[in-house]
């Protein structure tokens, strides 16, 4: 089995696993919301983000998708895509640089 096939199978497995487990994710996994409340930042511009609280009413995703579970899945997919891009682009540039040498 060549490397591309292994990567594709691994990627599909990760996406299926993420789609299965993300609806069970805790919306406040590390207490950021309580820390924002203590610092009087709750509801301010500092608290609003693109993926805020995995489908809370403040997030852009929730405004587009009213279903909490689907909004959580979409947020997870966007997060996975961002991470894959952040790791793939440097590797791609290194590969291009190596082939030009």
PDB file of N, CA and C in Angstrom:
ATOM      1  N   UNK A   1       0.854  -1.179   0.000  1.00  0.00           N
ATOM      2  CA  UNK A   1       0.000   0.000   0.000  1.00  0.00           C
ATOM      3  C   UNK A   1       0.900   1.242   0.000  1.00  0.00           C
ATOM      4  N   UNK A   2       0.663   2.142  -0.933  1.00  0.00           N
ATOM      5  CA  UNK A   2       1.518   3.321  -1.022  1.00  0.00           C
ATOM      6  C   UNK A   2       1.116   4.370   0.012  1.00  0.00           C
ATOM      7  N   UNK A   3       1.989   5.352   0.210  1.00  0.00           N
ATOM      8  CA  UNK A   3       1.794   6.348   1.258  1.00  0.00           C
ATOM      9  C   UNK A   3       0.514   7.155   1.094  1.00  0.00           C
ATOM     10  N   UNK A   4       0.164   7.518  -0.132  1.00  0.00           N
ATOM     11  CA  UNK A   4      -1.053   8.317  -0.339  1.00  0.00           C
ATOM     12  C   UNK A   4      -2.292   7.553   0.099  1.00  0.00           C
ATOM     13  N   UNK A   5      -2.328   6.266  -0.161  1.00  0.00           N
ATOM     14  CA  UNK A   5      -3.473   5.450   0.259  1.00  0.00           C
ATOM     15  C   UNK A   5      -3.559   5.384   1.776  1.00  0.00           C
ATOM     16  N   UNK A   6      -2.414   5.223   2.433  1.00  0.00           N
ATOM     17  CA  UNK A   6      -2.391   5.183   3.893  1.00  0.00           C
ATOM     18  C   UNK A   6      -2.863   6.506   4.478  1.00  0.00           C
ATOM     19  N   UNK A   7      -2.409   7.607   3.903  1.00  0.00           N
ATOM     20  CA  UNK A   7      -2.810   8.927   4.390  1.00  0.00           C
ATOM     21  C   UNK A   7      -4.306   9.136   4.183  1.00  0.00           C
ATOM     22  N   UNK A   8      -4.823   8.730   3.041  1.00  0.00           N
ATOM     23  CA  UNK A   8      -6.248   8.881   2.754  1.00  0.00           C
ATOM     24  C   UNK A   8      -7.090   8.051   3.718  1.00  0.00           C
ATOM     25  N   UNK A   9      -6.704   6.813   3.943  1.00  0.00           N
ATOM     26  CA  UNK A   9      -7.443   5.947   4.867  1.00  0.00           C
ATOM     27  C   UNK A   9      -7.376   6.506   6.285  1.00  0.00           C
ATOM     28  N   UNK A  10      -6.201   6.959   6.704  1.00  0.00           N
ATOM     29  CA  UNK A  10      -6.055   7.560   8.029  1.00  0.00           C
ATOM     30  C   UNK A  10      -6.887   8.820   8.178  1.00  0.00           C
ATOM     31  N   UNK A  11      -6.920   9.645   7.148  1.00  0.00           N
ATOM     32  CA  UNK A  11      -7.704  10.882   7.188  1.00  0.00           C
ATOM     33  C   UNK A  11      -9.194  10.587   7.282  1.00  0.00           C
ATOM     34  N   UNK A  12      -9.654   9.617   6.512  1.00  0.00           N
ATOM     35  CA  UNK A  12     -11.071   9.239   6.563  1.00  0.00           C
ATOM     36  C   UNK A  12     -11.430   8.701   7.944  1.00  0.00           C
ATOM     37  N   UNK A  13     -10.558   7.886   8.520  1.00  0.00           N
ATOM     38  CA  UNK A  13     -10.791   7.352   9.860  1.00  0.00           C
ATOM     39  C   UNK A  13     -10.877   8.474  10.889  1.00  0.00           C
ATOM     40  N   UNK A  14      -9.974   9.442  10.808  1.00  0.00           N
ATOM     41  CA  UNK A  14      -9.974  10.559  11.757  1.00  0.00           C
ATOM     42  C   UNK A  14     -11.244  11.390  11.618  1.00  0.00           C
ATOM     43  N   UNK A  15     -11.672  11.654  10.391  1.00  0.00           N
ATOM     44  CA  UNK A  15     -12.897  12.437  10.176  1.00  0.00           C
ATOM     45  C   UNK A  15     -14.112  11.691  10.731  1.00  0.00           C
ATOM     46  N   UNK A  16     -14.197  10.387  10.488  1.00  0.00           N
ATOM     47  CA  UNK A  16     -15.320   9.603  11.012  1.00  0.00           C
ATOM     48  C   UNK A  16     -15.299   9.595  12.533  1.00  0.00           C
ATOM     49  N   UNK A  17     -14.129   9.420  13.117  1.00  0.00           N
ATOM     50  CA  UNK A  17     -14.000   9.436  14.569  1.00  0.00           C
ATOM     51  C   UNK A  17     -14.412  10.791  15.135  1.00  0.00           C
ATOM     52  N   UNK A  18     -13.969  11.874  14.484  1.00  0.00           N
ATOM     53  CA  UNK A  18     -14.307  13.213  14.945  1.00  0.00           C
ATOM     54  C   UNK A  18     -15.804  13.478  14.828  1.00  0.00           C
ATOM     55  N   UNK A  19     -16.408  13.050  13.719  1.00  0.00           N
ATOM     56  CA  UNK A  19     -17.846  13.244  13.541  1.00  0.00           C
ATOM     57  C   UNK A  19     -18.650  12.448  14.566  1.00  0.00           C
ATOM     58  N   UNK A  20     -18.126  11.315  14.973  1.00  0.00           N
ATOM     59  CA  UNK A  20     -18.811  10.484  15.951  1.00  0.00           C
ATOM     60  C   UNK A  20     -18.694  11.051  17.362  1.00  0.00           C
ATOM     61  N   UNK A  21     -17.517  11.567  17.714  1.00  0.00           N
ATOM     62  CA  UNK A  21     -17.273  11.995  19.090  1.00  0.00           C
ATOM     63  C   UNK A  21     -17.539  13.473  19.359  1.00  0.00           C
ATOM     64  N   UNK A  22     -17.493  14.330  18.348  1.00  0.00           N
ATOM     65  CA  UNK A  22     -17.618  15.770  18.597  1.00  0.00           C
ATOM     66  C   UNK A  22     -18.949  16.196  19.208  1.00  0.00           C
ATOM     67  N   UNK A  23     -20.076  15.528  18.935  1.00  0.00           N
ATOM     68  CA  UNK A  23     -21.308  15.955  19.611  1.00  0.00           C
ATOM     69  C   UNK A  23     -21.263  15.793  21.129  1.00  0.00           C
ATOM     70  N   UNK A  24     -20.351  14.960  21.620  1.00  0.00           N
ATOM     71  CA  UNK A  24     -20.232  14.751  23.058  1.00  0.00           C
ATOM     72  C   UNK A  24     -19.222  15.693  23.710  1.00  0.00           C
ATOM     73  N   UNK A  25     -18.633  16.592  22.937  1.00  0.00           N
ATOM     74  CA  UNK A  25     -17.605  17.487  23.460  1.00  0.00           C
ATOM     75  C   UNK A  25     -18.196  18.462  24.472  1.00  0.00           C
ATOM     76  N   UNK A  26     -17.442  18.725  25.520  1.00  0.00           N
ATOM     77  CA  UNK A  26     -17.843  19.696  26.530  1.00  0.00           C
ATOM     78  C   UNK A  26     -17.693  21.093  25.947  1.00  0.00           C
ATOM     79  N   UNK A  27     -18.725  21.930  26.012  1.00  0.00           N
ATOM     80  CA  UNK A  27     -18.614  23.268  25.429  1.00  0.00           C
ATOM     81  C   UNK A  27     -17.638  24.173  26.178  1.00  0.00           C
ATOM     82  N   UNK A  28     -17.257  23.818  27.390  1.00  0.00           N
ATOM     83  CA  UNK A  28     -16.303  24.608  28.170  1.00  0.00           C
ATOM     84  C   UNK A  28     -15.186  23.699  28.679  1.00  0.00           C
ATOM     85  N   UNK A  29     -14.354  23.175  27.784  1.00  0.00           N
ATOM     86  CA  UNK A  29     -13.407  22.141  28.191  1.00  0.00           C
ATOM     87  C   UNK A  29     -12.336  22.594  29.170  1.00  0.00           C
ATOM     88  N   UNK A  30     -11.978  23.862  29.177  1.00  0.00           N
ATOM     89  CA  UNK A  30     -10.889  24.266  30.066  1.00  0.00           C
ATOM     90  C   UNK A  30     -11.242  25.482  30.918  1.00  0.00           C
ATOM     91  N   UNK A  31     -12.487  25.764  31.106  1.00  0.00           N
ATOM     92  CA  UNK A  31     -12.891  26.825  32.010  1.00  0.00           C
ATOM     93  C   UNK A  31     -12.694  28.229  31.491  1.00  0.00           C
ATOM     94  N   UNK A  32     -12.547  28.401  30.196  1.00  0.00           N
ATOM     95  CA  UNK A  32     -12.340  29.746  29.658  1.00  0.00           C
ATOM     96  C   UNK A  32     -13.539  30.649  29.909  1.00  0.00           C
ATOM     97  N   UNK A  33     -14.721  30.072  29.856  1.00  0.00           N
ATOM     98  CA  UNK A  33     -15.920  30.887  30.067  1.00  0.00           C
ATOM     99  C   UNK A  33     -15.983  31.409  31.498  1.00  0.00           C
ATOM    100  N   UNK A  34     -15.649  30.571  32.469  1.00  0.00           N
ATOM    101  CA  UNK A  34     -15.666  31.042  33.857  1.00  0.00           C
ATOM    102  C   UNK A  34     -14.562  32.063  34.098  1.00  0.00           C
ATOM    103  N   UNK A  35     -13.408  31.873  33.452  1.00  0.00           N
ATOM    104  CA  UNK A  35     -12.328  32.859  33.587  1.00  0.00           C
ATOM    105  C   UNK A  35     -12.729  34.190  32.961  1.00  0.00           C
ATOM    106  N   UNK A  36     -13.444  34.145  31.841  1.00  0.00           N
ATOM    107  CA  UNK A  36     -13.918  35.377  31.207  1.00  0.00           C
ATOM    108  C   UNK A  36     -14.938  36.067  32.099  1.00  0.00           C
ATOM    109  N   UNK A  37     -15.774  35.290  32.773  1.00  0.00           N
ATOM    110  CA  UNK A  37     -16.753  35.871  33.694  1.00  0.00           C
ATOM    111  C   UNK A  37     -16.088  36.535  34.875  1.00  0.00           C
ATOM    112  N   UNK A  38     -15.023  35.920  35.400  1.00  0.00           N
ATOM    113  CA  UNK A  38     -14.294  36.507  36.524  1.00  0.00           C
ATOM    114  C   UNK A  38     -13.566  37.777  36.120  1.00  0.00           C
ATOM    115  N   UNK A  39     -13.107  37.838  34.874  1.00  0.00           N
ATOM    116  CA  UNK A  39     -12.383  39.015  34.392  1.00  0.00           C
ATOM    117  C   UNK A  39     -13.278  40.060  33.762  1.00  0.00           C
ATOM    118  N   UNK A  40     -14.587  39.883  33.890  1.00  0.00           N
ATOM    119  CA  UNK A  40     -15.571  40.810  33.304  1.00  0.00           C
ATOM    120  C   UNK A  40     -15.417  40.956  31.794  1.00  0.00           C
ATOM    121  N   UNK A  41     -14.983  39.890  31.123  1.00  0.00           N
ATOM    122  CA  UNK A  41     -14.865  39.905  29.664  1.00  0.00           C
ATOM    123  C   UNK A  41     -16.023  39.166  28.998  1.00  0.00           C
ATOM    124  N   UNK A  42     -16.848  38.491  29.791  1.00  0.00           N
ATOM    125  CA  UNK A  42     -17.918  37.682  29.218  1.00  0.00           C
ATOM    126  C   UNK A  42     -18.885  38.563  28.424  1.00  0.00           C
ATOM    127  N   UNK A  43     -19.135  38.171  27.176  1.00  0.00           N
ATOM    128  CA  UNK A  43     -20.030  38.928  26.312  1.00  0.00           C
ATOM    129  C   UNK A  43     -19.364  40.092  25.612  1.00  0.00           C
ATOM    130  N   UNK A  44     -18.088  40.311  25.876  1.00  0.00           N
ATOM    131  CA  UNK A  44     -17.379  41.413  25.220  1.00  0.00           C
ATOM    132  C   UNK A  44     -16.806  40.923  23.894  1.00  0.00           C
ATOM    133  N   UNK A  45     -16.145  41.806  23.192  1.00  0.00           N
ATOM    134  CA  UNK A  45     -15.539  41.441  21.903  1.00  0.00           C
ATOM    135  C   UNK A  45     -14.475  40.366  22.086  1.00  0.00           C
ATOM    136  N   UNK A  46     -13.849  40.307  23.268  1.00  0.00           N
ATOM    137  CA  UNK A  46     -12.818  39.299  23.514  1.00  0.00           C
ATOM    138  C   UNK A  46     -13.424  37.894  23.570  1.00  0.00           C
ATOM    139  N   UNK A  47     -14.697  37.804  23.900  1.00  0.00           N
ATOM    140  CA  UNK A  47     -15.353  36.514  24.081  1.00  0.00           C
ATOM    141  C   UNK A  47     -15.971  35.983  22.790  1.00  0.00           C
ATOM    142  N   UNK A  48     -16.109  36.827  21.792  1.00  0.00           N
ATOM    143  CA  UNK A  48     -16.766  36.412  20.557  1.00  0.00           C
ATOM    144  C   UNK A  48     -15.730  35.981  19.535  1.00  0.00           C
ATOM    145  N   UNK A  49     -15.881  34.796  19.030  1.00  0.00           N
ATOM    146  CA  UNK A  49     -14.951  34.303  18.027  1.00  0.00           C
ATOM    147  C   UNK A  49     -15.674  33.473  16.997  1.00  0.00           C
ATOM    148  N   UNK A  50     -14.954  33.075  15.985  1.00  0.00           N
ATOM    149  CA  UNK A  50     -15.558  32.299  14.901  1.00  0.00           C
ATOM    150  C   UNK A  50     -16.085  30.962  15.393  1.00  0.00           C
ATOM    151  N   UNK A  51     -15.346  30.312  16.274  1.00  0.00           N
ATOM    152  CA  UNK A  51     -15.750  28.995  16.768  1.00  0.00           C
ATOM    153  C   UNK A  51     -16.109  29.033  18.248  1.00  0.00           C
ATOM    154  N   UNK A  52     -16.632  30.142  18.732  1.00  0.00           N
ATOM    155  CA  UNK A  52     -16.915  30.324  20.149  1.00  0.00           C
ATOM    156  C   UNK A  52     -17.798  29.215  20.699  1.00  0.00           C
ATOM    157  N   UNK A  53     -17.360  28.577  21.722  1.00  0.00           N
ATOM    158  CA  UNK A  53     -18.120  27.593  22.498  1.00  0.00           C
ATOM    159  C   UNK A  53     -18.812  26.516  21.678  1.00  0.00           C
ATOM    160  N   UNK A  54     -18.239  26.116  20.581  1.00  0.00           N
ATOM    161  CA  UNK A  54     -18.759  24.992  19.804  1.00  0.00           C
ATOM    162  C   UNK A  54     -20.267  25.059  19.588  1.00  0.00           C
ATOM    163  N   UNK A  55     -20.750  26.121  19.020  1.00  0.00           N
ATOM    164  CA  UNK A  55     -22.165  26.213  18.679  1.00  0.00           C
ATOM    165  C   UNK A  55     -22.988  27.017  19.653  1.00  0.00           C
ATOM    166  N   UNK A  56     -22.351  27.864  20.473  1.00  0.00           N
ATOM    167  CA  UNK A  56     -23.142  28.723  21.345  1.00  0.00           C
ATOM    168  C   UNK A  56     -23.813  29.806  20.511  1.00  0.00           C
ATOM    169  N   UNK A  57     -24.731  30.519  21.113  1.00  0.00           N
ATOM    170  CA  UNK A  57     -25.469  31.544  20.379  1.00  0.00           C
ATOM    171  C   UNK A  57     -24.576  32.691  19.924  1.00  0.00           C
ATOM    172  N   UNK A  58     -23.396  32.847  20.528  1.00  0.00           N
ATOM    173  CA  UNK A  58     -22.493  33.935  20.163  1.00  0.00           C
ATOM    174  C   UNK A  58     -21.640  33.620  18.940  1.00  0.00           C
ATOM    175  N   UNK A  59     -21.558  32.369  18.546  1.00  0.00           N
ATOM    176  CA  UNK A  59     -20.649  32.015  17.459  1.00  0.00           C
ATOM    177  C   UNK A  59     -21.286  32.229  16.092  1.00  0.00           C
ATOM    178  N   UNK A  60     -20.453  32.494  15.122  1.00  0.00           N
ATOM    179  CA  UNK A  60     -20.913  32.667  13.748  1.00  0.00           C
ATOM    180  C   UNK A  60     -21.522  31.375  13.219  1.00  0.00           C
ATOM    181  N   UNK A  61     -20.934  30.248  13.596  1.00  0.00           N
ATOM    182  CA  UNK A  61     -21.444  28.957  13.142  1.00  0.00           C
ATOM    183  C   UNK A  61     -22.885  28.759  13.614  1.00  0.00           C
ATOM    184  N   UNK A  62     -23.169  29.091  14.879  1.00  0.00           N
ATOM    185  CA  UNK A  62     -24.517  28.893  15.405  1.00  0.00           C
ATOM    186  C   UNK A  62     -25.516  29.818  14.716  1.00  0.00           C
ATOM    187  N   UNK A  63     -25.076  31.003  14.345  1.00  0.00           N
ATOM    188  CA  UNK A  63     -25.978  31.920  13.647  1.00  0.00           C
ATOM    189  C   UNK A  63     -26.343  31.370  12.268  1.00  0.00           C
ATOM    190  N   UNK A  64     -25.438  30.612  11.665  1.00  0.00           N
ATOM    191  CA  UNK A  64     -25.709  30.014  10.360  1.00  0.00           C
ATOM    192  C   UNK A  64     -26.452  28.688  10.477  1.00  0.00           C
ATOM    193  N   UNK A  65     -26.129  27.915  11.528  1.00  0.00           N
ATOM    194  CA  UNK A  65     -26.711  26.585  11.729  1.00  0.00           C
ATOM    195  C   UNK A  65     -27.328  26.560  13.123  1.00  0.00           C
ATOM    196  N   UNK A  66     -28.622  26.480  13.226  1.00  0.00           N
ATOM    197  CA  UNK A  66     -29.321  26.579  14.510  1.00  0.00           C
ATOM    198  C   UNK A  66     -29.290  25.292  15.333  1.00  0.00           C
ATOM    199  N   UNK A  67     -28.860  24.187  14.780  1.00  0.00           N
ATOM    200  CA  UNK A  67     -28.805  22.911  15.485  1.00  0.00           C
ATOM    201  C   UNK A  67     -27.461  22.797  16.200  1.00  0.00           C
ATOM    202  N   UNK A  68     -27.491  22.637  17.545  1.00  0.00           N
ATOM    203  CA  UNK A  68     -26.253  22.578  18.331  1.00  0.00           C
ATOM    204  C   UNK A  68     -25.330  21.450  17.891  1.00  0.00           C
ATOM    205  N   UNK A  69     -25.879  20.263  17.661  1.00  0.00           N
ATOM    206  CA  UNK A  69     -25.040  19.122  17.305  1.00  0.00           C
ATOM    207  C   UNK A  69     -24.372  19.335  15.945  1.00  0.00           C
ATOM    208  N   UNK A  70     -25.119  19.812  14.970  1.00  0.00           N
ATOM    209  CA  UNK A  70     -24.540  20.044  13.641  1.00  0.00           C
ATOM    210  C   UNK A  70     -23.532  21.187  13.692  1.00  0.00           C
ATOM    211  N   UNK A  71     -23.824  22.238  14.477  1.00  0.00           N
ATOM    212  CA  UNK A  71     -22.879  23.350  14.619  1.00  0.00           C
ATOM    213  C   UNK A  71     -21.575  22.873  15.252  1.00  0.00           C
ATOM    214  N   UNK A  72     -21.669  21.955  16.222  1.00  0.00           N
ATOM    215  CA  UNK A  72     -20.471  21.395  16.849  1.00  0.00           C
ATOM    216  C   UNK A  72     -19.663  20.591  15.841  1.00  0.00           C
ATOM    217  N   UNK A  73     -20.335  19.788  15.032  1.00  0.00           N
ATOM    218  CA  UNK A  73     -19.647  18.984  14.019  1.00  0.00           C
ATOM    219  C   UNK A  73     -18.966  19.885  12.995  1.00  0.00           C
ATOM    220  N   UNK A  74     -19.657  20.926  12.541  1.00  0.00           N
ATOM    221  CA  UNK A  74     -19.073  21.855  11.563  1.00  0.00           C
ATOM    222  C   UNK A  74     -17.866  22.571  12.168  1.00  0.00           C
ATOM    223  N   UNK A  75     -17.969  22.987  13.436  1.00  0.00           N
ATOM    224  CA  UNK A  75     -16.835  23.625  14.102  1.00  0.00           C
ATOM    225  C   UNK A  75     -15.640  22.683  14.170  1.00  0.00           C
ATOM    226  N   UNK A  76     -15.910  21.416  14.488  1.00  0.00           N
ATOM    227  CA  UNK A  76     -14.837  20.426  14.527  1.00  0.00           C
ATOM    228  C   UNK A  76     -14.198  20.210  13.174  1.00  0.00           C
ATOM    229  N   UNK A  77     -15.016  20.130  12.130  1.00  0.00           N
ATOM    230  CA  UNK A  77     -14.480  19.970  10.773  1.00  0.00           C
ATOM    231  C   UNK A  77     -13.610  21.156  10.379  1.00  0.00           C
ATOM    232  N   UNK A  78     -14.064  22.354  10.689  1.00  0.00           N
ATOM    233  CA  UNK A  78     -13.271  23.547  10.378  1.00  0.00           C
ATOM    234  C   UNK A  78     -11.951  23.509  11.138  1.00  0.00           C
ATOM    235  N   UNK A  79     -12.002  23.102  12.398  1.00  0.00           N
ATOM    236  CA  UNK A  79     -10.775  22.993  13.182  1.00  0.00           C
ATOM    237  C   UNK A  79      -9.801  21.981  12.606  1.00  0.00           C
ATOM    238  N   UNK A  80     -10.313  20.828  12.185  1.00  0.00           N
ATOM    239  CA  UNK A  80      -9.455  19.800  11.582  1.00  0.00           C
ATOM    240  C   UNK A  80      -8.843  20.312  10.285  1.00  0.00           C
ATOM    241  N   UNK A  81      -9.640  20.986   9.464  1.00  0.00           N
ATOM    242  CA  UNK A  81      -9.128  21.526   8.201  1.00  0.00           C
ATOM    243  C   UNK A  81      -8.023  22.540   8.458  1.00  0.00           C
ATOM    244  N   UNK A  82      -8.210  23.398   9.455  1.00  0.00           N
ATOM    245  CA  UNK A  82      -7.191  24.401   9.783  1.00  0.00           C
ATOM    246  C   UNK A  82      -5.901  23.723  10.227  1.00  0.00           C
ATOM    247  N   UNK A  83      -6.013  22.725  11.100  1.00  0.00           N
ATOM    248  CA  UNK A  83      -4.813  22.031  11.594  1.00  0.00           C
ATOM    249  C   UNK A  83      -4.104  21.300  10.459  1.00  0.00           C
ATOM    250  N   UNK A  84      -4.856  20.618   9.609  1.00  0.00           N
ATOM    251  CA  UNK A  84      -4.247  19.905   8.479  1.00  0.00           C
ATOM    252  C   UNK A  84      -3.523  20.886   7.562  1.00  0.00           C
ATOM    253  N   UNK A  85      -4.140  22.020   7.286  1.00  0.00           N
ATOM    254  CA  UNK A  85      -3.492  23.029   6.429  1.00  0.00           C
ATOM    255  C   UNK A  85      -2.228  23.579   7.076  1.00  0.00           C
ATOM    256  N   UNK A  86      -2.293  23.859   8.377  1.00  0.00           N
ATOM    257  CA  UNK A  86      -1.121  24.406   9.064  1.00  0.00           C
ATOM    258  C   UNK A  86       0.056  23.441   9.050  1.00  0.00           C
ATOM    259  N   UNK A  87      -0.221  22.141   9.110  1.00  0.00           N
ATOM    260  CA  UNK A  87       0.858  21.163   9.082  1.00  0.00           C
ATOM    261  C   UNK A  87       1.265  20.773   7.666  1.00  0.00           C
ATOM    262  N   UNK A  88       0.342  20.827   6.723  1.00  0.00           N
ATOM    263  CA  UNK A  88       0.635  20.392   5.358  1.00  0.00           C
ATOM    264  C   UNK A  88       1.395  21.428   4.549  1.00  0.00           C
ATOM    265  N   UNK A  89       1.075  22.697   4.721  1.00  0.00           N
ATOM    266  CA  UNK A  89       1.726  23.735   3.917  1.00  0.00           C
ATOM    267  C   UNK A  89       3.239  23.783   4.117  1.00  0.00           C
ATOM    268  N   UNK A  90       3.743  23.774   5.364  1.00  0.00           N
ATOM    269  CA  UNK A  90       5.210  23.754   5.511  1.00  0.00           C
ATOM    270  C   UNK A  90       5.847  22.512   4.894  1.00  0.00           C
ATOM    271  N   UNK A  91       5.189  21.366   5.027  1.00  0.00           N
ATOM    272  CA  UNK A  91       5.726  20.141   4.426  1.00  0.00           C
ATOM    273  C   UNK A  91       5.736  20.233   2.906  1.00  0.00           C
ATOM    274  N   UNK A  92       4.706  20.833   2.339  1.00  0.00           N
ATOM    275  CA  UNK A  92       4.643  21.025   0.892  1.00  0.00           C
ATOM    276  C   UNK A  92       5.774  21.932   0.418  1.00  0.00           C
ATOM    277  N   UNK A  93       6.002  23.026   1.140  1.00  0.00           N
ATOM    278  CA  UNK A  93       7.085  23.937   0.765  1.00  0.00           C
ATOM    279  C   UNK A  93       8.451  23.264   0.882  1.00  0.00           C
ATOM    280  N   UNK A  94       8.634  22.449   1.919  1.00  0.00           N
ATOM    281  CA  UNK A  94       9.901  21.722   2.059  1.00  0.00           C
ATOM    282  C   UNK A  94      10.082  20.723   0.922  1.00  0.00           C
ATOM    283  N   UNK A  95       9.016  20.071   0.528  1.00  0.00           N
ATOM    284  CA  UNK A  95       9.087  19.106  -0.567  1.00  0.00           C
ATOM    285  C   UNK A  95       9.429  19.800  -1.883  1.00  0.00           C
ATOM    286  N   UNK A  96       8.808  20.957  -2.137  1.00  0.00           N
ATOM    287  CA  UNK A  96       9.097  21.718  -3.358  1.00  0.00           C
ATOM    288  C   UNK A  96      10.542  22.193  -3.347  1.00  0.00           C
ATOM    289  N   UNK A  97      10.987  22.681  -2.192  1.00  0.00           N
ATOM    290  CA  UNK A  97      12.365  23.167  -2.076  1.00  0.00           C
ATOM    291  C   UNK A  97      13.354  22.023  -2.303  1.00  0.00           C
ATOM    292  N   UNK A  98      13.043  20.851  -1.753  1.00  0.00           N
ATOM    293  CA  UNK A  98      13.928  19.699  -1.903  1.00  0.00           C
ATOM    294  C   UNK A  98      13.989  19.242  -3.361  1.00  0.00           C
ATOM    295  N   UNK A  99      12.846  19.271  -4.065  1.00  0.00           N
ATOM    296  CA  UNK A  99      12.833  18.833  -5.463  1.00  0.00           C
ATOM    297  C   UNK A  99      13.543  19.831  -6.376  1.00  0.00           C
ATOM    298  N   UNK A 100      13.589  21.100  -5.987  1.00  0.00           N
ATOM    299  CA  UNK A 100      14.289  22.113  -6.782  1.00  0.00           C
ATOM    300  C   UNK A 100      15.799  22.079  -6.560  1.00  0.00           C
ATOM    301  N   UNK A 101      16.222  21.437  -5.488  1.00  0.00           N
ATOM    302  CA  UNK A 101      17.662  21.383  -5.182  1.00  0.00           C
ATOM    303  C   UNK A 101      18.387  20.368  -6.019  1.00  0.00           C
TER     304      UNK A 101
END
